[in-house]
Full PDB file with SEQRES, HELIX, SHEET, SSBOND, CRYST1, ORIGX, SCALE, CONECT and MASTER records, all heavy atoms in Angstrom:
SEQRES   1 A   40  SER SER CYS ARG ASP LEU ALA ASP TYR ILE GLN LYS LYS          
SEQRES   2 A   40  ASP TRP SER ARG ILE LEU LYS LEU PRO PHE LEU ALA LEU          
SEQRES   3 A   40  GLU ASP THR VAL CYS GLY LYS LYS GLU LYS TYR ALA ARG          
SEQRES   4 A   40  ILE                                                          
HELIX    1 AA1 SER A    2  ILE A   10  1                                   9    
HELIX    2 AA2 ARG A   17  VAL A   30  1                                  14    
SSBOND   1 CYS A    3    CYS A   31                          1555   1555  1.71  
CRYST1    1.000    1.000    1.000  90.00  90.00  90.00 P 1           1          
ORIGX1      1.000000  0.000000  0.000000        0.00000                         
ORIGX2      0.000000  1.000000  0.000000        0.00000                         
ORIGX3      0.000000  0.000000  1.000000        0.00000                         
SCALE1      1.000000  0.000000  0.000000        0.00000                         
SCALE2      0.000000  1.000000  0.000000        0.00000                         
SCALE3      0.000000  0.000000  1.000000        0.00000                         
ATOM      1  N   SER A   1    -171.341 -46.627  24.304  1.00  0.00           N  
ATOM      2  CA  SER A   1    -172.390 -47.450  24.932  1.00  0.00           C  
ATOM      3  C   SER A   1    -173.806 -46.998  24.513  1.00  0.00           C  
ATOM      4  O   SER A   1    -174.773 -47.754  24.764  1.00  0.00           O  
ATOM      5  CB  SER A   1    -172.277 -47.417  26.481  1.00  0.00           C  
ATOM      6  OG  SER A   1    -172.637 -46.091  26.941  1.00  0.00           O  
ATOM      7  N   SER A   2    -173.890 -45.853  23.867  1.00  0.00           N  
ATOM      8  CA  SER A   2    -175.209 -45.408  23.432  1.00  0.00           C  
ATOM      9  C   SER A   2    -175.798 -46.371  22.391  1.00  0.00           C  
ATOM     10  O   SER A   2    -176.994 -46.367  22.187  1.00  0.00           O  
ATOM     11  CB  SER A   2    -175.181 -43.963  22.919  1.00  0.00           C  
ATOM     12  OG  SER A   2    -174.357 -43.920  21.788  1.00  0.00           O  
ATOM     13  N   CYS A   3    -174.956 -47.106  21.712  1.00  0.00           N  
ATOM     14  CA  CYS A   3    -175.494 -48.037  20.676  1.00  0.00           C  
ATOM     15  C   CYS A   3    -176.412 -49.067  21.316  1.00  0.00           C  
ATOM     16  O   CYS A   3    -177.423 -49.431  20.786  1.00  0.00           O  
ATOM     17  CB  CYS A   3    -174.287 -48.747  19.972  1.00  0.00           C  
ATOM     18  SG  CYS A   3    -173.427 -47.669  18.879  1.00  0.00           S  
ATOM     19  N   ARG A   4    -176.014 -49.529  22.544  1.00  0.00           N  
ATOM     20  CA  ARG A   4    -176.935 -50.467  23.269  1.00  0.00           C  
ATOM     21  C   ARG A   4    -178.210 -49.769  23.622  1.00  0.00           C  
ATOM     22  O   ARG A   4    -179.297 -50.349  23.516  1.00  0.00           O  
ATOM     23  CB  ARG A   4    -176.207 -50.970  24.503  1.00  0.00           C  
ATOM     24  CG  ARG A   4    -175.110 -52.005  24.196  1.00  0.00           C  
ATOM     25  CD  ARG A   4    -174.603 -52.669  25.451  1.00  0.00           C  
ATOM     26  NE  ARG A   4    -174.085 -51.721  26.397  1.00  0.00           N  
ATOM     27  CZ  ARG A   4    -172.854 -51.210  26.418  1.00  0.00           C  
ATOM     28  NH1 ARG A   4    -171.967 -51.583  25.496  1.00  0.00           N  
ATOM     29  NH2 ARG A   4    -172.428 -50.394  27.360  1.00  0.00           N  
ATOM     30  N   ASP A   5    -178.137 -48.528  24.129  1.00  0.00           N  
ATOM     31  CA  ASP A   5    -179.361 -47.761  24.476  1.00  0.00           C  
ATOM     32  C   ASP A   5    -180.287 -47.641  23.255  1.00  0.00           C  
ATOM     33  O   ASP A   5    -181.495 -47.808  23.366  1.00  0.00           O  
ATOM     34  CB  ASP A   5    -178.994 -46.372  25.029  1.00  0.00           C  
ATOM     35  CG  ASP A   5    -178.283 -46.429  26.356  1.00  0.00           C  
ATOM     36  OD1 ASP A   5    -178.355 -47.461  27.016  1.00  0.00           O  
ATOM     37  OD2 ASP A   5    -177.653 -45.411  26.661  1.00  0.00           O  
ATOM     38  N   LEU A   6    -179.664 -47.296  22.091  1.00  0.00           N  
ATOM     39  CA  LEU A   6    -180.477 -47.113  20.895  1.00  0.00           C  
ATOM     40  C   LEU A   6    -181.127 -48.390  20.484  1.00  0.00           C  
ATOM     41  O   LEU A   6    -182.338 -48.366  20.134  1.00  0.00           O  
ATOM     42  CB  LEU A   6    -179.572 -46.583  19.771  1.00  0.00           C  
ATOM     43  CG  LEU A   6    -179.164 -45.137  19.884  1.00  0.00           C  
ATOM     44  CD1 LEU A   6    -178.003 -44.815  18.967  1.00  0.00           C  
ATOM     45  CD2 LEU A   6    -180.344 -44.213  19.647  1.00  0.00           C  
ATOM     46  N   ALA A   7    -180.471 -49.506  20.577  1.00  0.00           N  
ATOM     47  CA  ALA A   7    -181.046 -50.786  20.214  1.00  0.00           C  
ATOM     48  C   ALA A   7    -182.243 -51.094  21.160  1.00  0.00           C  
ATOM     49  O   ALA A   7    -183.268 -51.587  20.726  1.00  0.00           O  
ATOM     50  CB  ALA A   7    -179.962 -51.893  20.310  1.00  0.00           C  
ATOM     51  N   ASP A   8    -182.112 -50.747  22.437  1.00  0.00           N  
ATOM     52  CA  ASP A   8    -183.183 -50.948  23.365  1.00  0.00           C  
ATOM     53  C   ASP A   8    -184.413 -50.141  23.007  1.00  0.00           C  
ATOM     54  O   ASP A   8    -185.556 -50.622  23.039  1.00  0.00           O  
ATOM     55  CB  ASP A   8    -182.761 -50.611  24.798  1.00  0.00           C  
ATOM     56  CG  ASP A   8    -181.754 -51.591  25.383  1.00  0.00           C  
ATOM     57  OD1 ASP A   8    -181.665 -52.706  24.826  1.00  0.00           O  
ATOM     58  OD2 ASP A   8    -181.058 -51.259  26.359  1.00  0.00           O  
ATOM     59  N   TYR A   9    -184.205 -48.889  22.640  1.00  0.00           N  
ATOM     60  CA  TYR A   9    -185.312 -47.999  22.255  1.00  0.00           C  
ATOM     61  C   TYR A   9    -186.041 -48.485  21.030  1.00  0.00           C  
ATOM     62  O   TYR A   9    -187.264 -48.430  20.891  1.00  0.00           O  
ATOM     63  CB  TYR A   9    -184.863 -46.550  22.076  1.00  0.00           C  
ATOM     64  CG  TYR A   9    -184.586 -45.902  23.395  1.00  0.00           C  
ATOM     65  CD1 TYR A   9    -183.269 -45.600  23.769  1.00  0.00           C  
ATOM     66  CD2 TYR A   9    -185.612 -45.588  24.241  1.00  0.00           C  
ATOM     67  CE1 TYR A   9    -183.027 -44.976  24.998  1.00  0.00           C  
ATOM     68  CE2 TYR A   9    -185.376 -44.957  25.458  1.00  0.00           C  
ATOM     69  CZ  TYR A   9    -184.088 -44.680  25.844  1.00  0.00           C  
ATOM     70  OH  TYR A   9    -183.834 -44.073  27.070  1.00  0.00           O  
ATOM     71  N   ILE A  10    -185.303 -49.010  20.073  1.00  0.00           N  
ATOM     72  CA  ILE A  10    -185.856 -49.498  18.819  1.00  0.00           C  
ATOM     73  C   ILE A  10    -186.778 -50.703  19.055  1.00  0.00           C  
ATOM     74  O   ILE A  10    -187.741 -50.918  18.358  1.00  0.00           O  
ATOM     75  CB  ILE A  10    -184.765 -49.785  17.782  1.00  0.00           C  
ATOM     76  CG1 ILE A  10    -184.045 -48.479  17.425  1.00  0.00           C  
ATOM     77  CG2 ILE A  10    -185.285 -50.530  16.570  1.00  0.00           C  
ATOM     78  CD1 ILE A  10    -182.723 -48.708  16.711  1.00  0.00           C  
ATOM     79  N   GLN A  11    -186.504 -51.452  20.140  1.00  0.00           N  
ATOM     80  CA  GLN A  11    -187.270 -52.657  20.427  1.00  0.00           C  
ATOM     81  C   GLN A  11    -188.525 -52.409  21.272  1.00  0.00           C  
ATOM     82  O   GLN A  11    -189.273 -53.335  21.495  1.00  0.00           O  
ATOM     83  CB  GLN A  11    -186.368 -53.693  21.178  1.00  0.00           C  
ATOM     84  CG  GLN A  11    -185.164 -54.129  20.370  1.00  0.00           C  
ATOM     85  CD  GLN A  11    -185.537 -54.710  19.013  1.00  0.00           C  
ATOM     86  OE1 GLN A  11    -186.467 -55.467  18.902  1.00  0.00           O  
ATOM     87  NE2 GLN A  11    -184.828 -54.315  18.001  1.00  0.00           N  
ATOM     88  N   LYS A  12    -188.751 -51.202  21.671  1.00  0.00           N  
ATOM     89  CA  LYS A  12    -189.920 -50.831  22.541  1.00  0.00           C  
ATOM     90  C   LYS A  12    -191.195 -51.254  21.818  1.00  0.00           C  
ATOM     91  O   LYS A  12    -191.403 -50.904  20.643  1.00  0.00           O  
ATOM     92  CB  LYS A  12    -189.962 -49.362  22.857  1.00  0.00           C  
ATOM     93  CG  LYS A  12    -188.770 -48.883  23.636  1.00  0.00           C  
ATOM     94  CD  LYS A  12    -189.031 -49.052  25.101  1.00  0.00           C  
ATOM     95  CE  LYS A  12    -187.851 -48.408  25.864  1.00  0.00           C  
ATOM     96  NZ  LYS A  12    -187.950 -48.542  27.268  1.00  0.00           N  
ATOM     97  N   LYS A  13    -192.023 -52.015  22.500  1.00  0.00           N  
ATOM     98  CA  LYS A  13    -193.252 -52.515  21.888  1.00  0.00           C  
ATOM     99  C   LYS A  13    -194.408 -51.470  21.942  1.00  0.00           C  
ATOM    100  O   LYS A  13    -195.287 -51.521  21.110  1.00  0.00           O  
ATOM    101  CB  LYS A  13    -193.704 -53.790  22.636  1.00  0.00           C  
ATOM    102  CG  LYS A  13    -192.712 -54.922  22.557  1.00  0.00           C  
ATOM    103  CD  LYS A  13    -192.722 -55.562  21.213  1.00  0.00           C  
ATOM    104  CE  LYS A  13    -191.795 -56.803  21.238  1.00  0.00           C  
ATOM    105  NZ  LYS A  13    -191.018 -56.987  20.067  1.00  0.00           N  
ATOM    106  N   ASP A  14    -194.354 -50.593  22.954  1.00  0.00           N  
ATOM    107  CA  ASP A  14    -195.530 -49.709  23.157  1.00  0.00           C  
ATOM    108  C   ASP A  14    -195.294 -48.382  22.471  1.00  0.00           C  
ATOM    109  O   ASP A  14    -196.069 -47.410  22.673  1.00  0.00           O  
ATOM    110  CB  ASP A  14    -195.772 -49.533  24.625  1.00  0.00           C  
ATOM    111  CG  ASP A  14    -194.599 -48.954  25.385  1.00  0.00           C  
ATOM    112  OD1 ASP A  14    -193.443 -49.096  24.900  1.00  0.00           O  
ATOM    113  OD2 ASP A  14    -194.824 -48.338  26.437  1.00  0.00           O  
ATOM    114  N   TRP A  15    -194.312 -48.223  21.615  1.00  0.00           N  
ATOM    115  CA  TRP A  15    -194.045 -47.019  20.836  1.00  0.00           C  
ATOM    116  C   TRP A  15    -194.609 -47.182  19.459  1.00  0.00           C  
ATOM    117  O   TRP A  15    -194.535 -48.245  18.822  1.00  0.00           O  
ATOM    118  CB  TRP A  15    -192.584 -46.734  20.784  1.00  0.00           C  
ATOM    119  CG  TRP A  15    -191.926 -46.271  22.032  1.00  0.00           C  
ATOM    120  CD1 TRP A  15    -192.455 -46.306  23.291  1.00  0.00           C  
ATOM    121  CD2 TRP A  15    -190.654 -45.704  22.171  1.00  0.00           C  
ATOM    122  NE1 TRP A  15    -191.507 -45.834  24.176  1.00  0.00           N  
ATOM    123  CE2 TRP A  15    -190.430 -45.470  23.504  1.00  0.00           C  
ATOM    124  CE3 TRP A  15    -189.606 -45.427  21.218  1.00  0.00           C  
ATOM    125  CZ2 TRP A  15    -189.262 -44.924  23.970  1.00  0.00           C  
ATOM    126  CZ3 TRP A  15    -188.477 -44.876  21.702  1.00  0.00           C  
ATOM    127  CH2 TRP A  15    -188.277 -44.594  23.072  1.00  0.00           C  
ATOM    128  N   SER A  16    -195.079 -46.035  18.872  1.00  0.00           N  
ATOM    129  CA  SER A  16    -195.492 -46.134  17.469  1.00  0.00           C  
ATOM    130  C   SER A  16    -194.223 -46.282  16.642  1.00  0.00           C  
ATOM    131  O   SER A  16    -193.183 -45.850  17.001  1.00  0.00           O  
ATOM    132  CB  SER A  16    -196.252 -44.864  17.078  1.00  0.00           C  
ATOM    133  OG  SER A  16    -195.392 -43.827  16.755  1.00  0.00           O  
ATOM    134  N   ARG A  17    -194.485 -46.870  15.443  1.00  0.00           N  
ATOM    135  CA  ARG A  17    -193.334 -47.120  14.548  1.00  0.00           C  
ATOM    136  C   ARG A  17    -192.665 -45.820  14.172  1.00  0.00           C  
ATOM    137  O   ARG A  17    -191.399 -45.771  14.061  1.00  0.00           O  
ATOM    138  CB  ARG A  17    -193.893 -47.774  13.313  1.00  0.00           C  
ATOM    139  CG  ARG A  17    -192.879 -48.124  12.257  1.00  0.00           C  
ATOM    140  CD  ARG A  17    -193.536 -48.882  11.095  1.00  0.00           C  
ATOM    141  NE  ARG A  17    -194.446 -47.973  10.442  1.00  0.00           N  
ATOM    142  CZ  ARG A  17    -194.553 -47.904   9.072  1.00  0.00           C  
ATOM    143  NH1 ARG A  17    -193.881 -48.731   8.364  1.00  0.00           N  
ATOM    144  NH2 ARG A  17    -195.363 -47.034   8.541  1.00  0.00           N  
ATOM    145  N   ILE A  18    -193.384 -44.796  13.956  1.00  0.00           N  
ATOM    146  CA  ILE A  18    -192.827 -43.485  13.545  1.00  0.00           C  
ATOM    147  C   ILE A  18    -191.891 -42.933  14.608  1.00  0.00           C  
ATOM    148  O   ILE A  18    -190.843 -42.359  14.325  1.00  0.00           O  
ATOM    149  CB  ILE A  18    -193.983 -42.489  13.247  1.00  0.00           C  
ATOM    150  CG1 ILE A  18    -194.697 -42.935  11.968  1.00  0.00           C  
ATOM    151  CG2 ILE A  18    -193.467 -41.089  13.086  1.00  0.00           C  
ATOM    152  CD1 ILE A  18    -193.801 -43.205  10.779  1.00  0.00           C  
ATOM    153  N   LEU A  19    -192.233 -43.140  15.908  1.00  0.00           N  
ATOM    154  CA  LEU A  19    -191.391 -42.555  16.937  1.00  0.00           C  
ATOM    155  C   LEU A  19    -190.075 -43.409  17.094  1.00  0.00           C  
ATOM    156  O   LEU A  19    -189.129 -42.896  17.737  1.00  0.00           O  
ATOM    157  CB  LEU A  19    -192.136 -42.494  18.290  1.00  0.00           C  
ATOM    158  CG  LEU A  19    -193.177 -41.378  18.317  1.00  0.00           C  
ATOM    159  CD1 LEU A  19    -193.954 -41.495  19.599  1.00  0.00           C  
ATOM    160  CD2 LEU A  19    -192.533 -40.026  18.197  1.00  0.00           C  
ATOM    161  N   LYS A  20    -190.058 -44.585  16.570  1.00  0.00           N  
ATOM    162  CA  LYS A  20    -188.820 -45.401  16.630  1.00  0.00           C  
ATOM    163  C   LYS A  20    -187.815 -44.990  15.498  1.00  0.00           C  
ATOM    164  O   LYS A  20    -186.628 -45.220  15.630  1.00  0.00           O  
ATOM    165  CB  LYS A  20    -189.155 -46.870  16.448  1.00  0.00           C  
ATOM    166  CG  LYS A  20    -189.898 -47.460  17.595  1.00  0.00           C  
ATOM    167  CD  LYS A  20    -190.196 -48.925  17.348  1.00  0.00           C  
ATOM    168  CE  LYS A  20    -191.015 -49.539  18.425  1.00  0.00           C  
ATOM    169  NZ  LYS A  20    -191.269 -51.001  18.173  1.00  0.00           N  
ATOM    170  N   LEU A  21    -188.318 -44.365  14.463  1.00  0.00           N  
ATOM    171  CA  LEU A  21    -187.498 -44.079  13.285  1.00  0.00           C  
ATOM    172  C   LEU A  21    -186.328 -43.118  13.573  1.00  0.00           C  
ATOM    173  O   LEU A  21    -185.206 -43.337  13.057  1.00  0.00           O  
ATOM    174  CB  LEU A  21    -188.316 -43.626  12.114  1.00  0.00           C  
ATOM    175  CG  LEU A  21    -189.255 -44.694  11.541  1.00  0.00           C  
ATOM    176  CD1 LEU A  21    -190.150 -44.087  10.447  1.00  0.00           C  
ATOM    177  CD2 LEU A  21    -188.503 -45.872  11.060  1.00  0.00           C  
ATOM    178  N   PRO A  22    -186.492 -42.063  14.343  1.00  0.00           N  
ATOM    179  CA  PRO A  22    -185.318 -41.217  14.702  1.00  0.00           C  
ATOM    180  C   PRO A  22    -184.195 -42.021  15.418  1.00  0.00           C  
ATOM    181  O   PRO A  22    -183.029 -41.849  15.113  1.00  0.00           O  
ATOM    182  CB  PRO A  22    -185.865 -40.124  15.578  1.00  0.00           C  
ATOM    183  CG  PRO A  22    -187.316 -40.046  15.230  1.00  0.00           C  
ATOM    184  CD  PRO A  22    -187.697 -41.449  14.931  1.00  0.00           C  
ATOM    185  N   PHE A  23    -184.607 -42.944  16.313  1.00  0.00           N  
ATOM    186  CA  PHE A  23    -183.688 -43.761  17.042  1.00  0.00           C  
ATOM    187  C   PHE A  23    -182.987 -44.749  16.053  1.00  0.00           C  
ATOM    188  O   PHE A  23    -181.817 -45.001  16.151  1.00  0.00           O  
ATOM    189  CB  PHE A  23    -184.367 -44.529  18.170  1.00  0.00           C  
ATOM    190  CG  PHE A  23    -184.869 -43.697  19.274  1.00  0.00           C  
ATOM    191  CD1 PHE A  23    -186.129 -43.183  19.309  1.00  0.00           C  
ATOM    192  CD2 PHE A  23    -184.020 -43.420  20.346  1.00  0.00           C  
ATOM    193  CE1 PHE A  23    -186.594 -42.395  20.328  1.00  0.00           C  
ATOM    194  CE2 PHE A  23    -184.435 -42.580  21.404  1.00  0.00           C  
ATOM    195  CZ  PHE A  23    -185.725 -42.081  21.388  1.00  0.00           C  
ATOM    196  N   LEU A  24    -183.756 -45.296  15.110  1.00  0.00           N  
ATOM    197  CA  LEU A  24    -183.212 -46.218  14.175  1.00  0.00           C  
ATOM    198  C   LEU A  24    -182.167 -45.533  13.245  1.00  0.00           C  
ATOM    199  O   LEU A  24    -181.085 -46.084  12.938  1.00  0.00           O  
ATOM    200  CB  LEU A  24    -184.331 -46.889  13.352  1.00  0.00           C  
ATOM    201  CG  LEU A  24    -183.915 -47.902  12.276  1.00  0.00           C  
ATOM    202  CD1 LEU A  24    -183.190 -49.148  12.913  1.00  0.00           C  
ATOM    203  CD2 LEU A  24    -185.161 -48.414  11.518  1.00  0.00           C  
ATOM    204  N   ALA A  25    -182.551 -44.356  12.788  1.00  0.00           N  
ATOM    205  CA  ALA A  25    -181.631 -43.566  11.963  1.00  0.00           C  
ATOM    206  C   ALA A  25    -180.341 -43.248  12.695  1.00  0.00           C  
ATOM    207  O   ALA A  25    -179.224 -43.349  12.145  1.00  0.00           O  
ATOM    208  CB  ALA A  25    -182.310 -42.302  11.431  1.00  0.00           C  
ATOM    209  N   LEU A  26    -180.473 -42.830  13.927  1.00  0.00           N  
ATOM    210  CA  LEU A  26    -179.259 -42.490  14.705  1.00  0.00           C  
ATOM    211  C   LEU A  26    -178.431 -43.751  14.975  1.00  0.00           C  
ATOM    212  O   LEU A  26    -177.219 -43.719  14.825  1.00  0.00           O  
ATOM    213  CB  LEU A  26    -179.696 -41.896  16.042  1.00  0.00           C  
ATOM    214  CG  LEU A  26    -178.583 -41.401  16.980  1.00  0.00           C  
ATOM    215  CD1 LEU A  26    -177.752 -40.285  16.309  1.00  0.00           C  
ATOM    216  CD2 LEU A  26    -179.179 -40.828  18.280  1.00  0.00           C  
ATOM    217  N   GLU A  27    -179.087 -44.868  15.293  1.00  0.00           N  
ATOM    218  CA  GLU A  27    -178.369 -46.083  15.526  1.00  0.00           C  
ATOM    219  C   GLU A  27    -177.672 -46.540  14.293  1.00  0.00           C  
ATOM    220  O   GLU A  27    -176.497 -46.911  14.285  1.00  0.00           O  
ATOM    221  CB  GLU A  27    -179.337 -47.170  16.021  1.00  0.00           C  
ATOM    222  CG  GLU A  27    -178.676 -48.482  16.524  1.00  0.00           C  
ATOM    223  CD  GLU A  27    -178.753 -49.533  15.431  1.00  0.00           C  
ATOM    224  OE1 GLU A  27    -179.462 -49.411  14.441  1.00  0.00           O  
ATOM    225  OE2 GLU A  27    -178.000 -50.534  15.587  1.00  0.00           O  
ATOM    226  N   ASP A  28    -178.305 -46.464  13.119  1.00  0.00           N  
ATOM    227  CA  ASP A  28    -177.676 -46.913  11.877  1.00  0.00           C  
ATOM    228  C   ASP A  28    -176.602 -45.952  11.451  1.00  0.00           C  
ATOM    229  O   ASP A  28    -175.566 -46.449  10.880  1.00  0.00           O  
ATOM    230  CB  ASP A  28    -178.786 -46.985  10.795  1.00  0.00           C  
ATOM    231  CG  ASP A  28    -178.318 -47.801   9.601  1.00  0.00           C  
ATOM    232  OD1 ASP A  28    -177.624 -48.753   9.778  1.00  0.00           O  
ATOM    233  OD2 ASP A  28    -178.762 -47.409   8.468  1.00  0.00           O  
ATOM    234  N   THR A  29    -176.639 -44.711  11.762  1.00  0.00           N  
ATOM    235  CA  THR A  29    -175.596 -43.775  11.401  1.00  0.00           C  
ATOM    236  C   THR A  29    -174.400 -43.884  12.294  1.00  0.00           C  
ATOM    237  O   THR A  29    -173.249 -43.939  11.849  1.00  0.00           O  
ATOM    238  CB  THR A  29    -176.161 -42.313  11.437  1.00  0.00           C  
ATOM    239  OG1 THR A  29    -177.255 -42.200  10.538  1.00  0.00           O  
ATOM    240  CG2 THR A  29    -175.082 -41.292  11.048  1.00  0.00           C  
ATOM    241  N   VAL A  30    -174.661 -43.923  13.613  1.00  0.00           N  
ATOM    242  CA  VAL A  30    -173.530 -43.926  14.584  1.00  0.00           C  
ATOM    243  C   VAL A  30    -172.925 -45.343  14.742  1.00  0.00           C  
ATOM    244  O   VAL A  30    -171.738 -45.486  14.814  1.00  0.00           O  
ATOM    245  CB  VAL A  30    -174.051 -43.398  15.899  1.00  0.00           C  
ATOM    246  CG1 VAL A  30    -172.922 -43.534  17.000  1.00  0.00           C  
ATOM    247  CG2 VAL A  30    -174.443 -41.915  15.799  1.00  0.00           C  
ATOM    248  N   CYS A  31    -173.782 -46.344  14.828  1.00  0.00           N  
ATOM    249  CA  CYS A  31    -173.338 -47.708  15.179  1.00  0.00           C  
ATOM    250  C   CYS A  31    -173.336 -48.694  14.032  1.00  0.00           C  
ATOM    251  O   CYS A  31    -172.746 -49.730  14.116  1.00  0.00           O  
ATOM    252  CB  CYS A  31    -174.215 -48.273  16.291  1.00  0.00           C  
ATOM    253  SG  CYS A  31    -174.495 -47.124  17.665  1.00  0.00           S  
ATOM    254  N   GLY A  32    -174.029 -48.326  12.932  1.00  0.00           N  
ATOM    255  CA  GLY A  32    -174.160 -49.264  11.837  1.00  0.00           C  
ATOM    256  C   GLY A  32    -173.432 -48.790  10.607  1.00  0.00           C  
ATOM    257  O   GLY A  32    -172.466 -48.058  10.658  1.00  0.00           O  
ATOM    258  N   LYS A  33    -173.945 -49.226   9.439  1.00  0.00           N  
ATOM    259  CA  LYS A  33    -173.269 -48.933   8.198  1.00  0.00           C  
ATOM    260  C   LYS A  33    -174.190 -48.172   7.259  1.00  0.00           C  
ATOM    261  O   LYS A  33    -174.002 -48.210   6.062  1.00  0.00           O  
ATOM    262  CB  LYS A  33    -172.782 -50.203   7.572  1.00  0.00           C  
ATOM    263  CG  LYS A  33    -171.784 -50.950   8.418  1.00  0.00           C  
ATOM    264  CD  LYS A  33    -171.398 -52.249   7.764  1.00  0.00           C  
ATOM    265  CE  LYS A  33    -170.382 -52.931   8.637  1.00  0.00           C  
ATOM    266  NZ  LYS A  33    -170.199 -54.351   8.274  1.00  0.00           N  
ATOM    267  N   LYS A  34    -175.184 -47.557   7.815  1.00  0.00           N  
ATOM    268  CA  LYS A  34    -176.206 -46.792   7.016  1.00  0.00           C  
ATOM    269  C   LYS A  34    -176.910 -47.686   6.047  1.00  0.00           C  
ATOM    270  O   LYS A  34    -177.358 -47.241   4.992  1.00  0.00           O  
ATOM    271  CB  LYS A  34    -175.512 -45.606   6.315  1.00  0.00           C  
ATOM    272  CG  LYS A  34    -174.839 -44.651   7.263  1.00  0.00           C  
ATOM    273  CD  LYS A  34    -173.998 -43.590   6.520  1.00  0.00           C  
ATOM    274  CE  LYS A  34    -173.269 -42.732   7.433  1.00  0.00           C  
ATOM    275  NZ  LYS A  34    -172.013 -43.284   7.895  1.00  0.00           N  
ATOM    276  N   GLU A  35    -177.098 -48.901   6.416  1.00  0.00           N  
ATOM    277  CA  GLU A  35    -177.779 -49.885   5.559  1.00  0.00           C  
ATOM    278  C   GLU A  35    -179.291 -49.893   5.724  1.00  0.00           C  
ATOM    279  O   GLU A  35    -179.996 -50.451   4.888  1.00  0.00           O  
ATOM    280  CB  GLU A  35    -177.273 -51.292   5.857  1.00  0.00           C  
ATOM    281  CG  GLU A  35    -175.808 -51.493   5.555  1.00  0.00           C  
ATOM    282  CD  GLU A  35    -175.237 -52.807   6.047  1.00  0.00           C  
ATOM    283  OE1 GLU A  35    -175.831 -53.408   6.960  1.00  0.00           O  
ATOM    284  OE2 GLU A  35    -174.145 -53.183   5.558  1.00  0.00           O  
ATOM    285  N   LYS A  36    -179.807 -49.236   6.742  1.00  0.00           N  
ATOM    286  CA  LYS A  36    -181.239 -49.222   7.016  1.00  0.00           C  
ATOM    287  C   LYS A  36    -181.919 -47.946   6.469  1.00  0.00           C  
ATOM    288  O   LYS A  36    -183.113 -47.778   6.632  1.00  0.00           O  
ATOM    289  CB  LYS A  36    -181.496 -49.356   8.511  1.00  0.00           C  
ATOM    290  CG  LYS A  36    -180.902 -50.666   9.090  1.00  0.00           C  
ATOM    291  CD  LYS A  36    -181.047 -50.709  10.532  1.00  0.00           C  
ATOM    292  CE  LYS A  36    -180.334 -51.920  11.087  1.00  0.00           C  
ATOM    293  NZ  LYS A  36    -180.138 -51.904  12.527  1.00  0.00           N  
ATOM    294  N   TYR A  37    -181.184 -47.083   5.845  1.00  0.00           N  
ATOM    295  CA  TYR A  37    -181.743 -45.818   5.355  1.00  0.00           C  
ATOM    296  C   TYR A  37    -182.969 -46.055   4.386  1.00  0.00           C  
ATOM    297  O   TYR A  37    -183.943 -45.303   4.466  1.00  0.00           O  
ATOM    298  CB  TYR A  37    -180.688 -44.944   4.710  1.00  0.00           C  
ATOM    299  CG  TYR A  37    -179.774 -44.194   5.589  1.00  0.00           C  
ATOM    300  CD1 TYR A  37    -179.660 -44.500   6.957  1.00  0.00           C  
ATOM    301  CD2 TYR A  37    -179.015 -43.190   5.107  1.00  0.00           C  
ATOM    302  CE1 TYR A  37    -178.852 -43.799   7.810  1.00  0.00           C  
ATOM    303  CE2 TYR A  37    -178.127 -42.445   5.939  1.00  0.00           C  
ATOM    304  CZ  TYR A  37    -178.052 -42.768   7.272  1.00  0.00           C  
ATOM    305  OH  TYR A  37    -177.230 -42.077   8.089  1.00  0.00           O  
ATOM    306  N   ALA A  38    -182.810 -47.019   3.508  1.00  0.00           N  
ATOM    307  CA  ALA A  38    -183.880 -47.290   2.549  1.00  0.00           C  
ATOM    308  C   ALA A  38    -185.179 -47.665   3.306  1.00  0.00           C  
ATOM    309  O   ALA A  38    -186.249 -47.208   2.966  1.00  0.00           O  
ATOM    310  CB  ALA A  38    -183.476 -48.337   1.557  1.00  0.00           C  
ATOM    311  N   ARG A  39    -185.015 -48.502   4.282  1.00  0.00           N  
ATOM    312  CA  ARG A  39    -186.123 -49.003   5.106  1.00  0.00           C  
ATOM    313  C   ARG A  39    -186.761 -47.844   5.871  1.00  0.00           C  
ATOM    314  O   ARG A  39    -187.977 -47.729   5.944  1.00  0.00           O  
ATOM    315  CB  ARG A  39    -185.716 -50.083   6.036  1.00  0.00           C  
ATOM    316  CG  ARG A  39    -186.805 -50.846   6.665  1.00  0.00           C  
ATOM    317  CD  ARG A  39    -186.341 -52.010   7.465  1.00  0.00           C  
ATOM    318  NE  ARG A  39    -185.955 -51.588   8.757  1.00  0.00           N  
ATOM    319  CZ  ARG A  39    -185.191 -52.249   9.577  1.00  0.00           C  
ATOM    320  NH1 ARG A  39    -184.745 -53.437   9.280  1.00  0.00           N  
ATOM    321  NH2 ARG A  39    -184.916 -51.800  10.762  1.00  0.00           N  
ATOM    322  N   ILE A  40    -185.917 -46.993   6.366  1.00  0.00           N  
ATOM    323  CA  ILE A  40    -186.424 -45.777   7.136  1.00  0.00           C  
ATOM    324  C   ILE A  40    -187.174 -44.900   6.211  1.00  0.00           C  
ATOM    325  O   ILE A  40    -188.330 -44.403   6.532  1.00  0.00           O  
ATOM    326  CB  ILE A  40    -185.256 -45.041   7.804  1.00  0.00           C  
ATOM    327  CG1 ILE A  40    -184.600 -45.942   8.887  1.00  0.00           C  
ATOM    328  CG2 ILE A  40    -185.659 -43.734   8.368  1.00  0.00           C  
ATOM    329  CD1 ILE A  40    -183.260 -45.468   9.364  1.00  0.00           C  
TER     330      ILE A  40                                                      
CONECT   18  253                                                                
CONECT  253   18                                                                
MASTER        0    0    0    2    0    0    0    6  329    1    2    4          
END                                                                             
């Protein structure tokens, strides 16, 4: 269920982009297919 939590954190509007990147990397590694690594 942490995948849903991670997706929620990535969508936060009041966070700097840099602070979202650890969440995006974790979400892409655990829940995704590591397709966002280049973007990160």
